[in-house]
Amino acid sequence: TSAPPTPGSIVEAISDIDEAIAVAAKAVPITKAKTLIAVAGTATTVAAAALNLDNYDRYAIHLSRISAEKTLAVAKRFQGMERSEIEKLGYMHTGRVDVIAAGSLVLSQIMLATGAKEFVASESDILDGMAWSIS
């Protein structure tokens, strides 16, 4: 829809996200990581928003450090926006418009669960790592 999510749907989403994180935490020691490196579109879009970029700038985004507080603020900002407002953001990829509110909430909840004070945004992703490992 074009309307922002309702408070009730946000509460439900947080519950679902936290449940998924708890399942992951049974297999992975999520609180032991020293650095949270976030890759892919949601993380880089949150970084662009936190950095107050007018347009997407991979060089400004790559290796930027975004605090948990800024991540939460960006997530709340996206949750309060109409679809039409989100799609007008210069750094927003068209394919991310409908998912950024949820994705930024997931990232924020991961930071809360892990105790991460910040994340490092990376323009390199798992495909880069795989290519590097076989070269």
N, C-alpha and C. Protein backbone atom coordinates (compact mmCIF):
# COMPACT_ATOMS: atom_id res chain seq x y z
N THR A 1 0.84 -1.19 0.00
CA THR A 1 0.00 0.00 0.00
C THR A 1 0.88 1.24 0.00
N SER A 2 0.24 2.38 -0.20
CA SER A 2 1.00 3.63 -0.21
C SER A 2 1.10 4.25 1.18
N ALA A 3 0.29 3.78 2.11
CA ALA A 3 0.27 4.34 3.46
C ALA A 3 1.39 3.75 4.31
N PRO A 4 1.87 4.51 5.29
CA PRO A 4 2.87 3.97 6.21
C PRO A 4 2.29 2.80 7.00
N PRO A 5 3.14 1.93 7.54
CA PRO A 5 2.63 0.82 8.35
C PRO A 5 1.96 1.33 9.62
N THR A 6 0.98 0.59 10.09
CA THR A 6 0.29 0.97 11.32
C THR A 6 1.16 0.60 12.52
N PRO A 7 0.93 1.25 13.66
CA PRO A 7 1.69 0.88 14.86
C PRO A 7 1.54 -0.61 15.20
N GLY A 8 0.35 -1.14 15.01
CA GLY A 8 0.13 -2.57 15.29
C GLY A 8 0.94 -3.47 14.38
N SER A 9 1.03 -3.10 13.11
CA SER A 9 1.80 -3.94 12.19
C SER A 9 3.29 -3.85 12.49
N ILE A 10 3.74 -2.71 12.98
CA ILE A 10 5.15 -2.58 13.37
C ILE A 10 5.45 -3.46 14.57
N VAL A 11 4.56 -3.47 15.56
CA VAL A 11 4.73 -4.33 16.74
C VAL A 11 4.78 -5.80 16.32
N GLU A 12 3.88 -6.20 15.42
CA GLU A 12 3.88 -7.58 14.92
C GLU A 12 5.17 -7.90 14.18
N ALA A 13 5.63 -6.97 13.37
CA ALA A 13 6.87 -7.19 12.62
C ALA A 13 8.05 -7.35 13.57
N ILE A 14 8.12 -6.51 14.59
CA ILE A 14 9.21 -6.62 15.56
C ILE A 14 9.19 -7.98 16.24
N SER A 15 8.02 -8.45 16.59
CA SER A 15 7.90 -9.77 17.21
C SER A 15 8.42 -10.87 16.28
N ASP A 16 8.02 -10.81 15.02
CA ASP A 16 8.48 -11.80 14.03
C ASP A 16 10.00 -11.72 13.82
N ILE A 17 10.50 -10.51 13.71
CA ILE A 17 11.94 -10.31 13.51
C ILE A 17 12.72 -10.84 14.71
N ASP A 18 12.29 -10.48 15.90
CA ASP A 18 12.98 -10.92 17.11
C ASP A 18 12.96 -12.44 17.25
N GLU A 19 11.86 -13.05 16.84
CA GLU A 19 11.76 -14.52 16.87
C GLU A 19 12.78 -15.14 15.91
N ALA A 20 12.89 -14.59 14.72
CA ALA A 20 13.85 -15.10 13.74
C ALA A 20 15.29 -14.90 14.23
N ILE A 21 15.56 -13.77 14.85
CA ILE A 21 16.89 -13.52 15.39
C ILE A 21 17.21 -14.52 16.51
N ALA A 22 16.23 -14.80 17.36
CA ALA A 22 16.43 -15.76 18.45
C ALA A 22 16.76 -17.15 17.90
N VAL A 23 16.11 -17.54 16.83
CA VAL A 23 16.40 -18.84 16.19
C VAL A 23 17.84 -18.83 15.68
N ALA A 24 18.22 -17.76 15.00
CA ALA A 24 19.59 -17.66 14.48
C ALA A 24 20.61 -17.68 15.61
N ALA A 25 20.28 -17.03 16.71
CA ALA A 25 21.21 -16.93 17.84
C ALA A 25 21.48 -18.29 18.48
N LYS A 26 20.61 -19.26 18.26
CA LYS A 26 20.85 -20.60 18.78
C LYS A 26 21.98 -21.29 18.02
N ALA A 27 22.20 -20.89 16.79
CA ALA A 27 23.22 -21.51 15.96
C ALA A 27 24.47 -20.66 15.81
N VAL A 28 24.32 -19.36 15.98
CA VAL A 28 25.42 -18.42 15.75
C VAL A 28 25.56 -17.53 16.99
N PRO A 29 26.77 -17.39 17.53
CA PRO A 29 26.95 -16.54 18.71
C PRO A 29 26.91 -15.05 18.33
N ILE A 30 25.72 -14.54 18.13
CA ILE A 30 25.54 -13.20 17.54
C ILE A 30 26.06 -12.06 18.41
N THR A 31 26.20 -12.28 19.69
CA THR A 31 26.67 -11.19 20.56
C THR A 31 28.19 -11.15 20.68
N LYS A 32 28.87 -12.10 20.07
CA LYS A 32 30.33 -12.16 20.18
C LYS A 32 31.05 -11.44 19.05
N ALA A 33 30.34 -11.02 18.03
CA ALA A 33 30.97 -10.33 16.90
C ALA A 33 31.54 -9.00 17.37
N LYS A 34 32.72 -8.67 16.87
CA LYS A 34 33.34 -7.39 17.23
C LYS A 34 32.88 -6.26 16.33
N THR A 35 32.56 -6.61 15.08
CA THR A 35 32.13 -5.61 14.12
C THR A 35 30.96 -6.15 13.32
N LEU A 36 29.93 -5.36 13.18
CA LEU A 36 28.79 -5.73 12.34
C LEU A 36 29.00 -5.08 10.98
N ILE A 37 29.22 -5.91 9.98
CA ILE A 37 29.37 -5.42 8.61
C ILE A 37 28.07 -5.74 7.89
N ALA A 38 27.43 -4.72 7.38
CA ALA A 38 26.14 -4.90 6.71
C ALA A 38 26.32 -4.64 5.22
N VAL A 39 25.82 -5.58 4.43
CA VAL A 39 25.97 -5.51 2.98
C VAL A 39 24.60 -5.48 2.31
N ALA A 40 24.61 -5.13 1.07
CA ALA A 40 23.43 -5.17 0.20
C ALA A 40 22.57 -3.92 0.36
N GLY A 41 21.48 -3.91 -0.38
CA GLY A 41 20.68 -2.72 -0.58
C GLY A 41 20.09 -2.07 0.64
N THR A 42 19.56 -2.85 1.56
CA THR A 42 18.97 -2.23 2.74
C THR A 42 20.02 -1.48 3.54
N ALA A 43 21.14 -2.14 3.80
CA ALA A 43 22.19 -1.51 4.61
C ALA A 43 22.74 -0.26 3.94
N THR A 44 22.98 -0.34 2.64
CA THR A 44 23.55 0.82 1.96
C THR A 44 22.54 1.95 1.83
N THR A 45 21.27 1.60 1.73
CA THR A 45 20.22 2.63 1.68
C THR A 45 20.07 3.30 3.05
N VAL A 46 20.11 2.51 4.12
CA VAL A 46 20.07 3.08 5.46
C VAL A 46 21.28 3.99 5.67
N ALA A 47 22.43 3.56 5.20
CA ALA A 47 23.63 4.40 5.32
C ALA A 47 23.45 5.71 4.56
N ALA A 48 22.92 5.64 3.34
CA ALA A 48 22.69 6.86 2.55
C ALA A 48 21.76 7.81 3.29
N ALA A 49 20.71 7.27 3.90
CA ALA A 49 19.77 8.10 4.65
C ALA A 49 20.44 8.69 5.89
N ALA A 50 21.19 7.87 6.61
CA ALA A 50 21.87 8.34 7.83
C ALA A 50 22.92 9.40 7.52
N LEU A 51 23.53 9.30 6.35
CA LEU A 51 24.54 10.27 5.93
C LEU A 51 23.92 11.51 5.28
N ASN A 52 22.60 11.52 5.18
CA ASN A 52 21.86 12.64 4.57
C ASN A 52 22.31 12.93 3.14
N LEU A 53 22.52 11.87 2.37
CA LEU A 53 22.93 12.05 0.98
C LEU A 53 21.74 12.46 0.12
N ASP A 54 21.97 13.33 -0.82
CA ASP A 54 20.92 13.71 -1.76
C ASP A 54 20.72 12.64 -2.81
N ASN A 55 21.82 11.99 -3.21
CA ASN A 55 21.79 10.94 -4.22
C ASN A 55 22.66 9.80 -3.74
N TYR A 56 22.48 8.64 -4.35
CA TYR A 56 23.26 7.47 -3.98
C TYR A 56 24.72 7.69 -4.36
N ASP A 57 25.61 7.54 -3.40
CA ASP A 57 27.04 7.73 -3.63
C ASP A 57 27.79 6.57 -2.98
N ARG A 58 28.12 5.58 -3.81
CA ARG A 58 28.74 4.36 -3.28
C ARG A 58 30.05 4.66 -2.55
N TYR A 59 30.76 5.70 -2.95
CA TYR A 59 32.05 6.02 -2.33
C TYR A 59 31.85 6.65 -0.94
N ALA A 60 30.80 7.40 -0.76
CA ALA A 60 30.49 7.95 0.57
C ALA A 60 29.94 6.86 1.49
N ILE A 61 29.21 5.93 0.91
CA ILE A 61 28.55 4.87 1.68
C ILE A 61 29.53 3.79 2.11
N HIS A 62 30.39 3.34 1.18
CA HIS A 62 31.28 2.21 1.44
C HIS A 62 32.19 2.50 2.64
N LEU A 63 32.12 1.60 3.60
CA LEU A 63 32.89 1.64 4.85
C LEU A 63 32.46 2.75 5.81
N SER A 64 31.31 3.38 5.53
CA SER A 64 30.78 4.35 6.51
C SER A 64 30.33 3.59 7.75
N ARG A 65 30.40 4.26 8.87
CA ARG A 65 29.99 3.67 10.15
C ARG A 65 28.72 4.38 10.59
N ILE A 66 27.67 3.59 10.75
CA ILE A 66 26.36 4.14 11.09
C ILE A 66 25.97 3.63 12.48
N SER A 67 25.71 4.55 13.38
CA SER A 67 25.39 4.18 14.76
C SER A 67 24.03 3.49 14.86
N ALA A 68 23.88 2.74 15.94
CA ALA A 68 22.59 2.09 16.20
C ALA A 68 21.49 3.13 16.35
N GLU A 69 21.81 4.27 16.97
CA GLU A 69 20.82 5.32 17.16
C GLU A 69 20.36 5.89 15.81
N LYS A 70 21.31 6.12 14.91
CA LYS A 70 20.94 6.63 13.59
C LYS A 70 20.15 5.59 12.80
N THR A 71 20.54 4.33 12.94
CA THR A 71 19.83 3.26 12.24
C THR A 71 18.38 3.21 12.69
N LEU A 72 18.15 3.29 13.99
CA LEU A 72 16.78 3.30 14.51
C LEU A 72 16.03 4.53 14.03
N ALA A 73 16.67 5.68 14.05
CA ALA A 73 16.02 6.91 13.59
C ALA A 73 15.63 6.82 12.12
N VAL A 74 16.52 6.26 11.30
CA VAL A 74 16.21 6.10 9.87
C VAL A 74 15.05 5.12 9.70
N ALA A 75 15.07 4.02 10.44
CA ALA A 75 13.98 3.04 10.35
C ALA A 75 12.65 3.69 10.70
N LYS A 76 12.63 4.47 11.77
CA LYS A 76 11.39 5.15 12.17
C LYS A 76 10.96 6.18 11.13
N ARG A 77 11.93 6.86 10.54
CA ARG A 77 11.61 7.83 9.49
C ARG A 77 10.92 7.12 8.31
N PHE A 78 11.51 6.01 7.86
CA PHE A 78 10.91 5.27 6.74
C PHE A 78 9.52 4.75 7.11
N GLN A 79 9.35 4.31 8.35
CA GLN A 79 8.05 3.78 8.79
C GLN A 79 6.96 4.84 8.75
N GLY A 80 7.34 6.09 8.89
CA GLY A 80 6.37 7.17 8.91
C GLY A 80 6.10 7.82 7.56
N MET A 81 6.76 7.31 6.52
CA MET A 81 6.64 7.95 5.20
C MET A 81 5.66 7.23 4.29
N GLU A 82 5.02 8.02 3.44
CA GLU A 82 4.18 7.48 2.36
C GLU A 82 5.10 6.90 1.29
N ARG A 83 4.59 5.95 0.53
CA ARG A 83 5.36 5.35 -0.56
C ARG A 83 5.86 6.43 -1.52
N SER A 84 5.01 7.38 -1.83
CA SER A 84 5.38 8.45 -2.78
C SER A 84 6.54 9.29 -2.25
N GLU A 85 6.62 9.46 -0.94
CA GLU A 85 7.74 10.20 -0.35
C GLU A 85 9.04 9.40 -0.45
N ILE A 86 8.94 8.11 -0.18
CA ILE A 86 10.13 7.26 -0.23
C ILE A 86 10.69 7.21 -1.64
N GLU A 87 9.82 7.06 -2.63
CA GLU A 87 10.32 6.92 -4.00
C GLU A 87 10.94 8.20 -4.54
N LYS A 88 10.68 9.33 -3.91
CA LYS A 88 11.28 10.60 -4.34
C LYS A 88 12.68 10.81 -3.78
N LEU A 89 13.09 9.98 -2.84
CA LEU A 89 14.42 10.13 -2.24
C LEU A 89 15.47 9.82 -3.30
N GLY A 90 16.42 10.72 -3.48
CA GLY A 90 17.41 10.59 -4.55
C GLY A 90 18.28 9.36 -4.45
N TYR A 91 18.47 8.84 -3.25
CA TYR A 91 19.33 7.66 -3.06
C TYR A 91 18.55 6.35 -3.10
N MET A 92 17.23 6.42 -3.27
CA MET A 92 16.40 5.22 -3.17
C MET A 92 16.30 4.50 -4.51
N HIS A 93 16.71 3.23 -4.53
CA HIS A 93 16.55 2.38 -5.71
C HIS A 93 15.07 2.03 -5.83
N THR A 94 14.55 2.04 -7.04
CA THR A 94 13.11 1.78 -7.24
C THR A 94 12.68 0.43 -6.69
N GLY A 95 13.53 -0.56 -6.74
CA GLY A 95 13.18 -1.88 -6.23
C GLY A 95 13.16 -1.97 -4.72
N ARG A 96 13.61 -0.95 -4.05
CA ARG A 96 13.69 -0.97 -2.59
C ARG A 96 12.56 -0.16 -1.93
N VAL A 97 11.83 0.59 -2.71
CA VAL A 97 10.80 1.49 -2.18
C VAL A 97 9.81 0.75 -1.27
N ASP A 98 9.34 -0.40 -1.72
CA ASP A 98 8.31 -1.13 -0.97
C ASP A 98 8.84 -1.95 0.20
N VAL A 99 10.15 -2.10 0.31
CA VAL A 99 10.69 -2.97 1.35
C VAL A 99 11.59 -2.26 2.36
N ILE A 100 11.93 -1.00 2.11
CA ILE A 100 12.92 -0.34 2.96
C ILE A 100 12.44 -0.12 4.39
N ALA A 101 11.16 0.13 4.60
CA ALA A 101 10.68 0.31 5.98
C ALA A 101 10.87 -0.97 6.77
N ALA A 102 10.51 -2.10 6.18
CA ALA A 102 10.68 -3.38 6.86
C ALA A 102 12.16 -3.74 6.98
N GLY A 103 12.91 -3.56 5.91
CA GLY A 103 14.33 -3.91 5.94
C GLY A 103 15.12 -3.12 6.96
N SER A 104 14.84 -1.83 7.05
CA SER A 104 15.55 -1.00 8.02
C SER A 104 15.17 -1.39 9.45
N LEU A 105 13.94 -1.83 9.63
CA LEU A 105 13.51 -2.32 10.94
C LEU A 105 14.26 -3.61 11.30
N VAL A 106 14.42 -4.50 10.33
CA VAL A 106 15.18 -5.73 10.56
C VAL A 106 16.61 -5.38 10.98
N LEU A 107 17.26 -4.49 10.24
CA LEU A 107 18.63 -4.10 10.56
C LEU A 107 18.71 -3.50 11.97
N SER A 108 17.78 -2.66 12.32
CA SER A 108 17.77 -2.04 13.64
C SER A 108 17.60 -3.09 14.74
N GLN A 109 16.72 -4.05 14.52
CA GLN A 109 16.49 -5.11 15.52
C GLN A 109 17.71 -6.02 15.64
N ILE A 110 18.39 -6.28 14.54
CA ILE A 110 19.63 -7.07 14.60
C ILE A 110 20.66 -6.34 15.45
N MET A 111 20.78 -5.05 15.25
CA MET A 111 21.74 -4.27 16.04
C MET A 111 21.39 -4.31 17.52
N LEU A 112 20.12 -4.21 17.82
CA LEU A 112 19.67 -4.28 19.21
C LEU A 112 20.00 -5.64 19.82
N ALA A 113 19.69 -6.71 19.09
CA ALA A 113 19.90 -8.06 19.60
C ALA A 113 21.38 -8.40 19.77
N THR A 114 22.21 -7.88 18.89
CA THR A 114 23.64 -8.19 18.97
C THR A 114 24.40 -7.25 19.90
N GLY A 115 23.78 -6.15 20.23
CA GLY A 115 24.46 -5.15 21.05
C GLY A 115 25.42 -4.29 20.25
N ALA A 116 25.32 -4.36 18.93
CA ALA A 116 26.21 -3.58 18.07
C ALA A 116 25.93 -2.09 18.25
N LYS A 117 26.97 -1.33 18.46
CA LYS A 117 26.83 0.12 18.61
C LYS A 117 26.77 0.82 17.26
N GLU A 118 27.28 0.12 16.22
CA GLU A 118 27.28 0.67 14.87
C GLU A 118 27.40 -0.46 13.87
N PHE A 119 27.13 -0.14 12.62
CA PHE A 119 27.44 -1.10 11.56
C PHE A 119 28.33 -0.41 10.54
N VAL A 120 29.11 -1.21 9.86
CA VAL A 120 29.95 -0.73 8.77
C VAL A 120 29.24 -1.12 7.48
N ALA A 121 28.91 -0.13 6.67
CA ALA A 121 28.23 -0.40 5.40
C ALA A 121 29.27 -0.81 4.36
N SER A 122 28.96 -1.86 3.63
CA SER A 122 29.89 -2.32 2.62
C SER A 122 29.21 -2.45 1.27
N GLU A 123 29.84 -1.90 0.27
CA GLU A 123 29.38 -2.04 -1.11
C GLU A 123 29.83 -3.37 -1.70
N SER A 124 30.71 -4.06 -1.00
CA SER A 124 31.13 -5.40 -1.42
C SER A 124 30.22 -6.39 -0.73
N ASP A 125 29.84 -7.44 -1.44
CA ASP A 125 28.94 -8.41 -0.83
C ASP A 125 29.49 -9.82 -0.97
N ILE A 126 28.68 -10.79 -0.69
CA ILE A 126 29.13 -12.18 -0.70
C ILE A 126 29.65 -12.62 -2.06
N LEU A 127 29.10 -12.08 -3.13
CA LEU A 127 29.60 -12.43 -4.47
C LEU A 127 31.03 -11.95 -4.67
N ASP A 128 31.34 -10.76 -4.16
CA ASP A 128 32.71 -10.26 -4.23
C ASP A 128 33.65 -11.18 -3.45
N GLY A 129 33.20 -11.60 -2.28
CA GLY A 129 34.00 -12.49 -1.45
C GLY A 129 34.23 -13.84 -2.11
N MET A 130 33.20 -14.36 -2.75
CA MET A 130 33.34 -15.64 -3.45
C MET A 130 34.31 -15.52 -4.61
N ALA A 131 34.21 -14.44 -5.37
CA ALA A 131 35.11 -14.24 -6.50
C ALA A 131 36.55 -14.10 -6.01
N TRP A 132 36.73 -13.36 -4.93
CA TRP A 132 38.07 -13.17 -4.38
C TRP A 132 38.65 -14.50 -3.90
N SER A 133 37.81 -15.34 -3.28
CA SER A 133 38.30 -16.60 -2.72
C SER A 133 38.74 -17.60 -3.78
N ILE A 134 38.21 -17.50 -5.00
CA ILE A 134 38.61 -18.44 -6.05
C ILE A 134 39.65 -17.86 -7.00
N SER A 135 40.03 -16.61 -6.78
CA SER A 135 41.01 -15.99 -7.69
C SER A 135 42.43 -16.34 -7.31
